């Protein structure tokens, strides 16, 4: 058994807490606990060689590439990620403006600067705006069933398609115009798959869809990289508090564990690592991604989780959304272009086309965002979700580059468009300690399952209290899938422990 460290780790001094996972939820919990004198014995176990989890900024192509979290969603007062970023001067002036903070986007992705169709033509701005408006109204309607009206379909996808089928019956367009309108709708559904982190909106439950809360503010990015935020949190922690390359194998709980360094003291939890190291503790905050929990739910806890909690882990959704960065010597897009939409005219939400993934995976790509100018290169960032995204991870860089060069030549109508100079991409599904990107409330689950996942163990309260606590984006009922949801959940569990030790403690905000 091991619990190495300096003077702060003297046996018998304070409650011993382990945080499993060094993403923003784990770092936020550690920072909050460290500020309280009852928690001088504190360790963070991180499976990989770096902190930040699904916040991952890397130098590349002469600038900073966000392989993970990209935007602050709802950057306004009350969003703790925005407030911390503002406090540490990590944002641009315009993103801090009152005007930006008051913007109501409804959670919808902004309109593209240009839309290319697979026949090599640009789609009229008027048609794109009209179709986007219709699609967003259907998504807004899908959020309304949370208010109590009976949901007419199990999933968001089925609801949208049903409404669309009824509307399309009244369209008087020519066949080619009708097909283009449906192809645009198909693209917008794929955008929504990226937003929800799912393969298909048919997997996203309709009734609880509106529980996800959209904060005001125009989504913004970190000029120097999202990881600047987690770096600031890490800088406030002692250097030896985080132990890297320390994957956890099993969390033993409801026990009575001892260690030679603390004679006579017993601990209800023992964290066993893959390398054989063991850490006894009074409390463990588990912040690992839901994707990892899904894969290891039967072996990660001993005794096994209560049936209700294990079922919640199995039922909640967790999908993949990846990015593909393409570097060009010269831009083929117009100055001022920010977002290129790619639409396949043979795709429709009202038709199922059976195809092999290797033949059509690139059709799931929703388009490209133009990254702010790097030194002397030009970079596009494409987004792709679902099984196609997971298939993309199995391809070589050369195969991805070739496929996307062909796509860009086809949709721009320029067969001589220079190929990108290089490619870089995320592979979140393949990452063994992540196994995907973020969570959603799947068909067959409800927001109650998020609350079940978040409840500490043991649940009966008869044994030692708060042995295992749960944090991470998938444990926040209204902000799941976001960095602010993850951070708030880490604070929530830290505050739970502080309140147990010090019921009179004045807990800091915000408590969204």
Protein backbone atom coordinates (compact mmCIF):
# COMPACT_ATOMS: atom_id res chain seq x y z
CA UNK A 1 0.00 0.00 0.00
CA UNK A 2 1.28 3.49 -0.72
CA UNK A 3 0.43 7.03 0.22
CA UNK A 4 3.71 8.83 -0.37
CA UNK A 5 4.25 12.51 0.10
CA UNK A 6 5.60 15.22 2.33
CA UNK A 7 4.67 16.65 5.68
CA UNK A 8 1.04 17.23 4.70
CA UNK A 9 0.54 13.47 4.59
CA UNK A 10 1.35 12.65 8.23
CA UNK A 11 -0.83 9.71 9.40
CA UNK A 12 -4.01 10.55 11.22
CA UNK A 13 -4.11 14.15 10.07
CA UNK A 14 -7.45 15.00 8.43
CA UNK A 15 -9.59 13.01 6.04
CA UNK A 16 -7.81 11.16 3.29
CA UNK A 17 -9.38 11.86 -0.12
CA UNK A 18 -8.53 10.42 -3.52
CA UNK A 19 -9.76 11.95 -6.76
CA UNK A 20 -9.78 9.51 -9.67
CA UNK A 21 -9.32 11.42 -12.93
CA UNK A 22 -7.50 14.69 -13.64
CA UNK A 23 -10.00 16.34 -15.96
CA UNK A 24 -11.68 19.63 -15.08
CA UNK A 25 -14.15 17.91 -12.70
CA UNK A 26 -11.32 16.24 -10.76
CA UNK A 27 -9.10 19.33 -10.76
CA UNK A 28 -12.01 21.53 -9.66
CA UNK A 29 -12.84 19.16 -6.80
CA UNK A 30 -9.19 19.00 -5.69
CA UNK A 31 -8.79 22.78 -5.75
CA UNK A 32 -11.99 23.26 -3.72
CA UNK A 33 -11.00 20.64 -1.11
CA UNK A 34 -7.45 21.89 -0.75
CA UNK A 35 -8.76 25.24 0.44
CA UNK A 36 -10.28 23.53 3.51
CA UNK A 37 -8.03 22.45 6.43
CA UNK A 38 -9.85 19.13 6.93
CA UNK A 39 -8.51 17.81 3.62
CA UNK A 40 -4.73 18.09 3.84
CA UNK A 41 -4.36 14.46 2.69
CA UNK A 42 -5.42 14.75 -0.91
CA UNK A 43 -4.27 12.99 -4.08
CA UNK A 44 -5.41 13.00 -7.72
CA UNK A 45 -4.77 9.80 -9.70
CA UNK A 46 -4.59 10.42 -13.45
CA UNK A 47 -4.40 7.47 -15.86
CA UNK A 48 -2.53 9.35 -18.59
CA UNK A 49 0.59 11.52 -18.77
CA UNK A 50 -1.35 14.81 -18.79
CA UNK A 51 -4.12 16.60 -16.92
CA UNK A 52 -7.19 18.17 -18.51
CA UNK A 53 -9.09 15.08 -19.64
CA UNK A 54 -11.29 15.99 -22.58
CA UNK A 55 -9.82 19.50 -22.58
CA UNK A 56 -6.81 18.99 -24.81
CA UNK A 57 -5.00 21.85 -26.55
CA UNK A 58 -1.98 21.00 -28.70
CA UNK A 59 0.51 23.06 -30.66
CA UNK A 60 0.20 22.29 -34.35
CA UNK A 61 0.31 23.95 -37.77
CA UNK A 62 1.87 27.03 -36.16
CA UNK A 63 -0.95 27.60 -33.66
CA UNK A 64 -3.11 25.96 -30.98
CA UNK A 65 -5.48 23.14 -31.95
CA UNK A 66 -8.30 22.07 -29.66
CA UNK A 67 -8.50 18.28 -29.92
CA UNK A 68 -11.17 18.23 -27.21
CA UNK A 69 -13.46 20.94 -25.82
CA UNK A 70 -13.69 23.78 -28.34
CA UNK A 71 -16.10 26.47 -27.15
CA UNK A 72 -17.35 27.91 -23.91
CA UNK A 73 -21.06 27.23 -24.33
CA UNK A 74 -23.12 30.09 -22.90
CA UNK A 75 -20.28 32.44 -21.91
CA UNK A 76 -22.04 34.76 -19.45
CA UNK A 77 -22.17 35.52 -15.74
CA UNK A 78 -23.09 32.40 -13.82
CA UNK A 79 -21.10 30.12 -16.14
CA UNK A 80 -18.10 29.18 -13.95
CA UNK A 81 -15.86 28.34 -16.91
CA UNK A 82 -16.50 31.77 -18.42
CA UNK A 83 -15.99 33.49 -15.07
CA UNK A 84 -12.68 31.70 -14.43
CA UNK A 85 -11.49 32.36 -17.99
CA UNK A 86 -12.34 36.06 -17.60
CA UNK A 87 -10.61 36.20 -14.20
CA UNK A 88 -7.42 34.72 -15.67
CA UNK A 89 -7.58 36.97 -18.78
CA UNK A 90 -7.83 34.04 -21.18
CA UNK A 91 -10.49 35.55 -23.48
CA UNK A 92 -10.69 38.30 -26.10
CA UNK A 93 -12.23 41.65 -25.22
CA UNK A 94 -15.17 41.15 -27.59
CA UNK A 95 -16.02 37.83 -25.91
CA UNK A 96 -16.20 39.60 -22.55
CA UNK A 97 -18.56 42.29 -23.82
CA UNK A 98 -22.03 42.70 -22.32
CA UNK A 99 -23.45 42.41 -25.84
CA UNK A 100 -21.92 38.96 -26.33
CA UNK A 101 -23.04 37.81 -22.89
CA UNK A 102 -26.64 38.78 -23.60
CA UNK A 103 -26.88 36.94 -26.93
CA UNK A 104 -29.54 34.21 -26.97
CA UNK A 105 -28.52 31.47 -29.42
CA UNK A 106 -31.04 28.88 -28.24
CA UNK A 107 -28.15 26.43 -28.26
CA UNK A 108 -28.16 26.38 -32.07
CA UNK A 109 -24.98 26.36 -34.13
CA UNK A 110 -24.51 29.57 -36.13
CA UNK A 111 -25.27 29.68 -39.85
CA UNK A 112 -22.51 28.76 -42.32
CA UNK A 113 -20.69 31.40 -44.35
CA UNK A 114 -21.00 29.26 -47.47
CA UNK A 115 -22.78 25.99 -48.30
CA UNK A 116 -21.39 23.64 -50.93
CA UNK A 117 -23.49 20.83 -52.40
CA UNK A 118 -22.11 17.52 -53.69
CA UNK A 119 -22.94 18.49 -57.27
CA UNK A 120 -20.28 21.23 -57.04
CA UNK A 121 -22.58 24.23 -56.66
CA UNK A 122 -23.06 26.73 -53.86
CA UNK A 123 -26.50 26.64 -52.23
CA UNK A 124 -28.36 29.94 -52.07
CA UNK A 125 -28.08 31.75 -48.76
CA UNK A 126 -31.85 32.27 -48.77
CA UNK A 127 -32.56 28.52 -48.87
CA UNK A 128 -29.98 27.77 -46.14
CA UNK A 129 -31.43 30.44 -43.81
CA UNK A 130 -35.00 29.28 -44.45
CA UNK A 131 -34.17 25.59 -43.88
CA UNK A 132 -32.08 26.32 -40.78
CA UNK A 133 -34.92 28.35 -39.31
CA UNK A 134 -37.35 25.47 -39.89
CA UNK A 135 -34.95 22.93 -38.42
CA UNK A 136 -34.22 25.05 -35.33
CA UNK A 137 -37.94 25.52 -34.74
CA UNK A 138 -38.39 21.72 -34.77
CA UNK A 139 -35.52 21.29 -32.28
CA UNK A 140 -37.04 24.01 -30.08
CA UNK A 141 -40.37 22.18 -30.21
CA UNK A 142 -38.60 18.95 -29.24
CA UNK A 143 -37.40 20.66 -26.06
CA UNK A 144 -40.95 21.58 -25.03
CA UNK A 145 -42.08 18.05 -24.07
CA UNK A 146 -40.12 18.35 -20.84
CA UNK A 147 -42.94 20.64 -19.67
CA UNK A 148 -45.31 17.71 -19.30
CA UNK A 149 -47.03 17.12 -22.64
CA UNK A 150 -46.86 13.47 -23.69
CA UNK A 151 -43.96 12.92 -26.09
CA UNK A 152 -45.35 11.69 -29.45
CA UNK A 153 -42.20 9.67 -30.25
CA UNK A 154 -39.44 7.97 -28.25
CA UNK A 155 -36.60 9.98 -29.83
CA UNK A 156 -35.78 13.47 -31.03
CA UNK A 157 -34.90 12.07 -34.46
CA UNK A 158 -38.24 10.33 -34.94
CA UNK A 159 -40.10 13.42 -33.79
CA UNK A 160 -38.22 15.71 -36.19
CA UNK A 161 -38.65 13.30 -39.11
CA UNK A 162 -42.37 12.90 -38.42
CA UNK A 163 -42.88 16.67 -38.36
CA UNK A 164 -40.73 17.07 -41.46
CA UNK A 165 -42.62 14.38 -43.37
CA UNK A 166 -45.89 16.23 -42.70
CA UNK A 167 -44.40 19.56 -43.79
CA UNK A 168 -42.76 18.11 -46.90
CA UNK A 169 -46.11 16.78 -48.09
CA UNK A 170 -47.16 20.41 -48.63
CA UNK A 171 -44.03 21.57 -50.45
CA UNK A 172 -44.64 22.61 -54.05
CA UNK A 173 -40.97 22.78 -55.11
CA UNK A 174 -39.56 21.04 -58.14
CA UNK A 175 -38.03 17.64 -57.33
CA UNK A 176 -34.41 18.88 -57.41
CA UNK A 177 -35.22 21.81 -55.10
CA UNK A 178 -37.10 19.50 -52.76
CA UNK A 179 -34.15 17.09 -52.63
CA UNK A 180 -31.78 19.94 -51.84
CA UNK A 181 -34.02 21.14 -49.03
CA UNK A 182 -34.09 17.63 -47.53
CA UNK A 183 -30.32 17.29 -47.97
CA UNK A 184 -29.87 20.48 -45.96
CA UNK A 185 -32.16 19.06 -43.27
CA UNK A 186 -30.04 15.91 -43.22
CA UNK A 187 -26.92 18.01 -42.65
CA UNK A 188 -28.58 19.94 -39.82
CA UNK A 189 -29.52 16.63 -38.16
CA UNK A 190 -25.86 15.59 -38.43
CA UNK A 191 -24.87 18.91 -36.83
CA UNK A 192 -27.23 18.07 -33.99
CA UNK A 193 -25.51 14.67 -33.68
CA UNK A 194 -22.23 16.53 -33.11
CA UNK A 195 -23.88 18.82 -30.55
CA UNK A 196 -25.39 15.85 -28.69
CA UNK A 197 -22.39 13.56 -29.12
CA UNK A 198 -24.48 10.77 -30.65
CA UNK A 199 -24.50 8.60 -33.75
CA UNK A 200 -28.13 9.43 -34.53
CA UNK A 201 -30.79 11.68 -33.04
CA UNK A 202 -32.92 8.52 -33.07
CA UNK A 203 -30.89 7.51 -30.01
CA UNK A 204 -31.62 10.73 -28.06
CA UNK A 205 -34.69 10.56 -25.82
CA UNK A 206 -37.40 13.11 -26.67
CA UNK A 207 -39.23 13.54 -23.33
CA UNK A 208 -36.18 14.72 -21.29
CA UNK A 209 -34.46 16.54 -24.20
CA UNK A 210 -35.43 19.97 -22.85
CA UNK A 211 -33.83 19.37 -19.45
CA UNK A 212 -30.49 20.40 -20.92
CA UNK A 213 -30.18 24.11 -20.10
CA UNK A 214 -28.77 26.63 -22.57
CA UNK A 215 -27.07 29.61 -20.92
CA UNK A 216 -27.06 33.02 -22.63
CA UNK A 217 -23.97 34.19 -24.49
CA UNK A 218 -22.38 33.80 -27.90
CA UNK A 219 -20.13 30.72 -27.74
CA UNK A 220 -16.46 31.69 -27.70
CA UNK A 221 -13.03 30.07 -27.81
CA UNK A 222 -9.74 30.48 -25.95
CA UNK A 223 -7.15 32.26 -28.16
CA UNK A 224 -4.29 30.56 -26.28
CA UNK A 225 -6.04 27.20 -25.89
CA UNK A 226 -8.72 25.81 -23.55
CA UNK A 227 -5.98 24.07 -21.57
CA UNK A 228 -4.91 27.47 -20.25
CA UNK A 229 -7.88 27.13 -17.91
CA UNK A 230 -6.89 23.73 -16.48
CA UNK A 231 -3.26 24.90 -16.32
CA UNK A 232 -4.35 27.74 -14.02
CA UNK A 233 -6.21 25.31 -11.75
CA UNK A 234 -3.19 22.98 -11.70
CA UNK A 235 -0.86 25.84 -10.82
CA UNK A 236 -2.83 26.35 -7.59
CA UNK A 237 -2.21 22.72 -6.49
CA UNK A 238 1.02 21.33 -5.00
CA UNK A 239 3.18 19.73 -7.68
CA UNK A 240 3.09 16.26 -6.14
CA UNK A 241 -0.69 16.20 -5.61
CA UNK A 242 -1.38 14.73 -9.07
CA UNK A 243 0.11 11.32 -9.79
CA UNK A 244 0.29 10.76 -13.55
CA UNK A 245 0.29 7.47 -15.49
CA UNK A 246 -1.63 5.87 -12.62
CA UNK A 247 -4.68 4.07 -14.07
CA UNK A 248 -7.04 2.64 -11.48
CA UNK A 249 -8.04 -1.02 -11.77
CA UNK A 250 -10.58 -1.48 -8.94
CA UNK A 251 -12.13 0.61 -6.21
CA UNK A 252 -12.81 -1.57 -3.15
CA UNK A 253 -15.41 -0.01 -0.85
CA UNK A 254 -17.50 -0.77 2.25
CA UNK A 255 -14.39 -2.39 3.70
CA UNK A 256 -11.98 -2.00 6.59
CA UNK A 257 -8.52 -1.44 5.13
CA UNK A 258 -5.29 -0.72 6.95
CA UNK A 259 -1.75 0.32 6.11
CA UNK A 260 1.55 -0.05 7.94
CA UNK A 261 2.16 3.71 8.03
CA UNK A 262 -1.10 4.32 9.97
CA UNK A 263 -1.27 1.65 12.72
CA UNK A 264 -4.68 1.34 14.29
CA UNK A 265 -6.42 3.40 11.61
CA UNK A 266 -8.90 1.80 9.21
CA UNK A 267 -10.19 3.11 5.92
CA UNK A 268 -13.49 2.15 4.21
CA UNK A 269 -12.07 2.44 0.67
CA UNK A 270 -9.01 1.02 -1.06
CA UNK A 271 -8.09 2.13 -4.57
CA UNK A 272 -6.12 -0.54 -6.42
CA UNK A 273 -4.12 0.63 -9.45
CA UNK A 274 -3.17 -1.27 -12.59
CA UNK A 275 0.49 -1.28 -11.51
CA UNK A 276 -0.36 -2.97 -8.19
CA UNK A 277 -0.15 0.19 -6.10
CA UNK A 278 -2.87 0.61 -3.47
CA UNK A 279 -4.21 3.76 -1.81
CA UNK A 280 -6.47 3.45 1.26
CA UNK A 281 -8.80 6.42 1.75
CA UNK A 282 -11.80 7.72 3.62
CA UNK A 283 -13.38 9.16 0.49
CA UNK A 284 -12.91 8.72 -3.27
CA UNK A 285 -14.32 11.09 -5.91
CA UNK A 286 -14.70 9.23 -9.21
CA UNK A 287 -14.57 11.63 -12.18
CA UNK A 288 -13.81 9.21 -15.03
CA UNK A 289 -15.81 9.57 -18.28
CA UNK A 290 -19.09 7.69 -18.66
CA UNK A 291 -17.58 5.87 -21.66
CA UNK A 292 -14.93 4.34 -19.39
CA UNK A 293 -17.54 3.44 -16.75
CA UNK A 294 -19.68 1.72 -19.38
CA UNK A 295 -16.76 -0.46 -20.45
CA UNK A 296 -15.65 -1.33 -16.90
CA UNK A 297 -18.89 -1.18 -14.88
CA UNK A 298 -18.64 -4.88 -13.92
CA UNK A 299 -15.02 -4.79 -12.69
CA UNK A 300 -14.22 -1.23 -11.57
CA UNK A 301 -16.04 -1.48 -8.22
CA UNK A 302 -15.87 -4.20 -5.56
CA UNK A 303 -18.44 -4.97 -4.29
CA UNK A 304 -20.30 -4.23 -7.55
CA UNK A 305 -22.37 -1.09 -7.85
CA UNK A 306 -26.01 -1.21 -6.73
CA UNK A 307 -28.18 -2.43 -9.60
CA UNK A 308 -29.94 0.91 -10.04
CA UNK A 309 -26.65 2.80 -10.47
CA UNK A 310 -25.14 0.19 -12.79
CA UNK A 311 -28.32 0.28 -14.90
CA UNK A 312 -28.10 4.09 -15.13
CA UNK A 313 -24.53 3.79 -16.45
CA UNK A 314 -25.66 1.26 -19.07
CA UNK A 315 -28.75 3.22 -20.15
CA UNK A 316 -27.34 6.74 -20.48
CA UNK A 317 -25.87 7.61 -23.87
CA UNK A 318 -22.22 8.33 -24.59
CA UNK A 319 -21.05 8.90 -28.16
CA UNK A 320 -18.15 10.15 -30.22
CA UNK A 321 -17.57 13.54 -31.84
CA UNK A 322 -14.17 13.96 -33.49
CA UNK A 323 -12.32 16.76 -35.25
CA UNK A 324 -10.20 16.61 -38.38
CA UNK A 325 -7.77 19.49 -38.93
CA UNK A 326 -6.56 20.17 -42.47
CA UNK A 327 -3.59 22.45 -43.15
CA UNK A 328 -3.43 24.35 -46.48
CA UNK A 329 -0.67 26.43 -48.02
CA UNK A 330 -3.24 28.80 -49.48
CA UNK A 331 -6.93 29.19 -48.61
CA UNK A 332 -9.48 28.21 -51.27
CA UNK A 333 -12.18 29.99 -49.26
CA UNK A 334 -13.06 33.68 -49.36
CA UNK A 335 -11.62 36.19 -46.87
CA UNK A 336 -13.94 36.46 -43.87
CA UNK A 337 -15.32 32.95 -44.36
CA UNK A 338 -15.78 31.30 -40.95
CA UNK A 339 -17.82 28.16 -41.54
CA UNK A 340 -18.15 25.95 -44.63
CA UNK A 341 -21.17 23.64 -44.77
CA UNK A 342 -21.04 20.48 -46.92
CA UNK A 343 -24.34 18.99 -48.13
CA UNK A 344 -24.86 15.66 -49.89
CA UNK A 345 -27.77 15.84 -52.30
CA UNK A 346 -28.34 12.09 -52.24
CA UNK A 347 -28.98 12.12 -48.47
CA UNK A 348 -32.39 12.71 -46.91
CA UNK A 349 -33.73 12.35 -43.36
CA UNK A 350 -36.82 10.69 -44.87
CA UNK A 351 -34.89 7.87 -46.52
CA UNK A 352 -32.57 5.17 -45.21
CA UNK A 353 -29.63 4.43 -47.48
CA UNK A 354 -27.84 1.15 -46.70
CA UNK A 355 -24.11 1.62 -47.32
CA UNK A 356 -20.78 0.32 -46.14
CA UNK A 357 -19.04 2.69 -43.72
CA UNK A 358 -15.82 2.68 -45.74
CA UNK A 359 -17.72 3.99 -48.77
CA UNK A 360 -19.66 6.82 -47.13
CA UNK A 361 -18.11 7.69 -43.74
CA UNK A 362 -17.09 11.17 -44.97
CA UNK A 363 -20.74 12.09 -45.68
CA UNK A 364 -21.30 12.37 -41.92
CA UNK A 365 -18.79 15.25 -41.81
CA UNK A 366 -20.92 18.36 -41.26
CA UNK A 367 -18.44 20.82 -42.75
CA UNK A 368 -15.46 22.88 -41.65
CA UNK A 369 -14.74 25.83 -39.38
CA UNK A 370 -11.97 28.18 -40.50
CA UNK A 371 -9.53 28.57 -37.62
CA UNK A 372 -8.14 32.04 -36.91
CA UNK A 373 -5.01 32.69 -38.97
CA UNK A 374 -1.94 30.91 -37.74
CA UNK A 375 1.52 32.22 -38.66
CA UNK A 376 1.67 31.48 -42.37
CA UNK A 377 -0.69 28.54 -42.75
CA UNK A 378 -4.42 28.14 -43.16
CA UNK A 379 -6.37 25.55 -41.19
CA UNK A 380 -9.85 24.06 -41.47
CA UNK A 381 -11.43 22.08 -38.63
CA UNK A 382 -14.03 19.49 -39.62
CA UNK A 383 -16.48 17.85 -37.19
CA UNK A 384 -17.84 14.31 -37.49
CA UNK A 385 -19.92 12.27 -35.02
CA UNK A 386 -21.12 8.72 -34.51
CA UNK A 387 -20.10 5.39 -35.98
CA UNK A 388 -18.63 7.12 -39.02
CA UNK A 389 -16.42 9.12 -36.68
CA UNK A 390 -15.32 5.94 -34.92
CA UNK A 391 -14.60 4.31 -38.30
CA UNK A 392 -12.51 7.36 -39.27
CA UNK A 393 -10.28 6.63 -36.26
CA UNK A 394 -9.30 3.26 -37.82
CA UNK A 395 -8.04 4.87 -41.05
CA UNK A 396 -4.51 6.11 -41.73
CA UNK A 397 -3.77 9.82 -42.04
CA UNK A 398 -3.16 9.24 -45.76
CA UNK A 399 -6.59 7.65 -46.23
CA UNK A 400 -8.33 10.50 -44.41
CA UNK A 401 -6.38 13.10 -46.39
CA UNK A 402 -7.20 11.44 -49.70
CA UNK A 403 -10.93 11.11 -48.91
CA UNK A 404 -11.30 14.71 -47.78
CA UNK A 405 -9.31 16.05 -50.72
CA UNK A 406 -11.77 14.25 -53.02
CA UNK A 407 -14.71 15.64 -51.04
CA UNK A 408 -13.44 19.22 -51.24
CA UNK A 409 -12.68 18.95 -54.97
CA UNK A 410 -16.14 17.57 -55.61
CA UNK A 411 -18.15 20.08 -53.58
CA UNK A 412 -16.21 23.14 -54.76
CA UNK A 413 -16.37 21.97 -58.39
CA UNK A 414 -12.61 22.47 -58.63
CA UNK A 415 -10.94 19.20 -59.66
CA UNK A 416 -7.52 20.83 -59.34
CA UNK A 417 -7.98 22.14 -55.81
CA UNK A 418 -4.59 21.65 -54.09
CA UNK A 419 -4.63 18.86 -51.52
CA UNK A 420 -4.19 19.82 -47.87
CA UNK A 421 -0.55 19.80 -46.81
CA UNK A 422 -1.23 17.69 -43.72
CA UNK A 423 -3.91 16.33 -41.40
CA UNK A 424 -4.28 16.00 -37.64
CA UNK A 425 -7.30 14.53 -35.88
CA UNK A 426 -8.76 13.49 -32.57
CA UNK A 427 -9.52 9.85 -31.75
CA UNK A 428 -11.72 9.97 -28.66
CA UNK A 429 -13.36 6.59 -29.12
CA UNK A 430 -9.98 4.83 -29.26
CA UNK A 431 -8.70 6.58 -26.13
CA UNK A 432 -8.78 3.76 -23.54
CA UNK A 433 -9.64 5.96 -20.54
CA UNK A 434 -12.32 7.98 -22.36
CA UNK A 435 -14.00 5.74 -25.01
CA UNK A 436 -15.90 8.57 -26.62
CA UNK A 437 -16.63 12.27 -26.25
CA UNK A 438 -19.59 13.14 -24.01
CA UNK A 439 -22.96 12.03 -22.70
CA UNK A 440 -26.59 12.42 -23.69
CA UNK A 441 -29.91 11.15 -22.34
CA UNK A 442 -30.57 8.13 -24.52
CA UNK A 443 -33.88 6.49 -25.45
CA UNK A 444 -34.71 4.24 -22.50
CA UNK A 445 -33.14 6.60 -19.96
CA UNK A 446 -34.24 9.82 -18.24
CA UNK A 447 -32.70 12.69 -16.31
CA UNK A 448 -33.31 10.57 -13.20
CA UNK A 449 -30.52 8.28 -14.42
CA UNK A 450 -28.10 11.21 -14.33
CA UNK A 451 -29.11 11.83 -10.71
CA UNK A 452 -28.73 8.12 -9.91
CA UNK A 453 -25.22 8.17 -11.36
CA UNK A 454 -24.39 11.25 -9.26
CA UNK A 455 -25.53 9.78 -5.91
CA UNK A 456 -22.70 8.90 -3.50
CA UNK A 457 -22.15 5.41 -2.09
CA UNK A 458 -23.18 3.80 0.15
CA UNK A 459 -26.74 4.92 -0.45
CA UNK A 460 -28.25 3.60 2.80
CA UNK A 461 -26.09 5.75 5.07
CA UNK A 462 -25.67 2.91 7.58
CA UNK A 463 -21.96 2.45 6.80
CA UNK A 464 -19.21 5.08 6.74
CA UNK A 465 -20.62 8.06 4.84
CA UNK A 466 -19.64 9.32 1.39
CA UNK A 467 -17.15 6.55 0.58
CA UNK A 468 -17.48 6.99 -3.19
CA UNK A 469 -18.68 10.20 -4.79
CA UNK A 470 -19.31 10.74 -8.51
CA UNK A 471 -18.52 13.80 -10.63
CA UNK A 472 -18.00 14.59 -14.33
CA UNK A 473 -20.18 16.06 -17.09
CA UNK A 474 -22.42 12.96 -17.21
CA UNK A 475 -23.47 13.57 -13.57
CA UNK A 476 -24.92 17.07 -14.14
CA UNK A 477 -28.61 16.84 -15.00
CA UNK A 478 -28.94 20.16 -16.83
CA UNK A 479 -25.39 20.81 -18.11
CA UNK A 480 -24.30 17.31 -19.19
CA UNK A 481 -21.81 17.24 -22.10
CA UNK A 482 -20.24 20.61 -21.14
CA UNK A 483 -17.08 21.74 -19.36
CA UNK A 484 -19.12 23.97 -17.05
CA UNK A 485 -21.26 20.97 -16.12
CA UNK A 486 -18.10 18.99 -15.36
CA UNK A 487 -16.57 21.78 -13.25
CA UNK A 488 -19.78 22.36 -11.31
CA UNK A 489 -20.08 18.63 -10.59
CA UNK A 490 -16.55 18.55 -9.16
CA UNK A 491 -17.36 21.51 -6.93
CA UNK A 492 -20.64 19.85 -5.92
CA UNK A 493 -18.89 16.72 -4.64
CA UNK A 494 -16.13 18.70 -2.91
CA UNK A 495 -18.82 20.77 -1.17
CA UNK A 496 -20.60 17.55 -0.14
CA UNK A 497 -17.44 16.39 1.65
CA UNK A 498 -16.79 19.80 3.19
CA UNK A 499 -20.36 19.91 4.54
CA UNK A 500 -19.88 16.44 6.08
CA UNK A 501 -16.76 17.56 7.96
CA UNK A 502 -17.78 21.14 8.61
CA UNK A 503 -21.58 21.66 8.57
CA UNK A 504 -21.12 25.38 9.34
CA UNK A 505 -18.78 25.97 6.36
CA UNK A 506 -19.60 28.89 4.08
CA UNK A 507 -19.46 27.32 0.62
CA UNK A 508 -18.40 29.51 -2.33
CA UNK A 509 -20.65 29.94 -5.39
CA UNK A 510 -21.85 29.53 -8.02
CA UNK A 511 -24.23 26.67 -7.29
CA UNK A 512 -26.07 26.44 -10.63
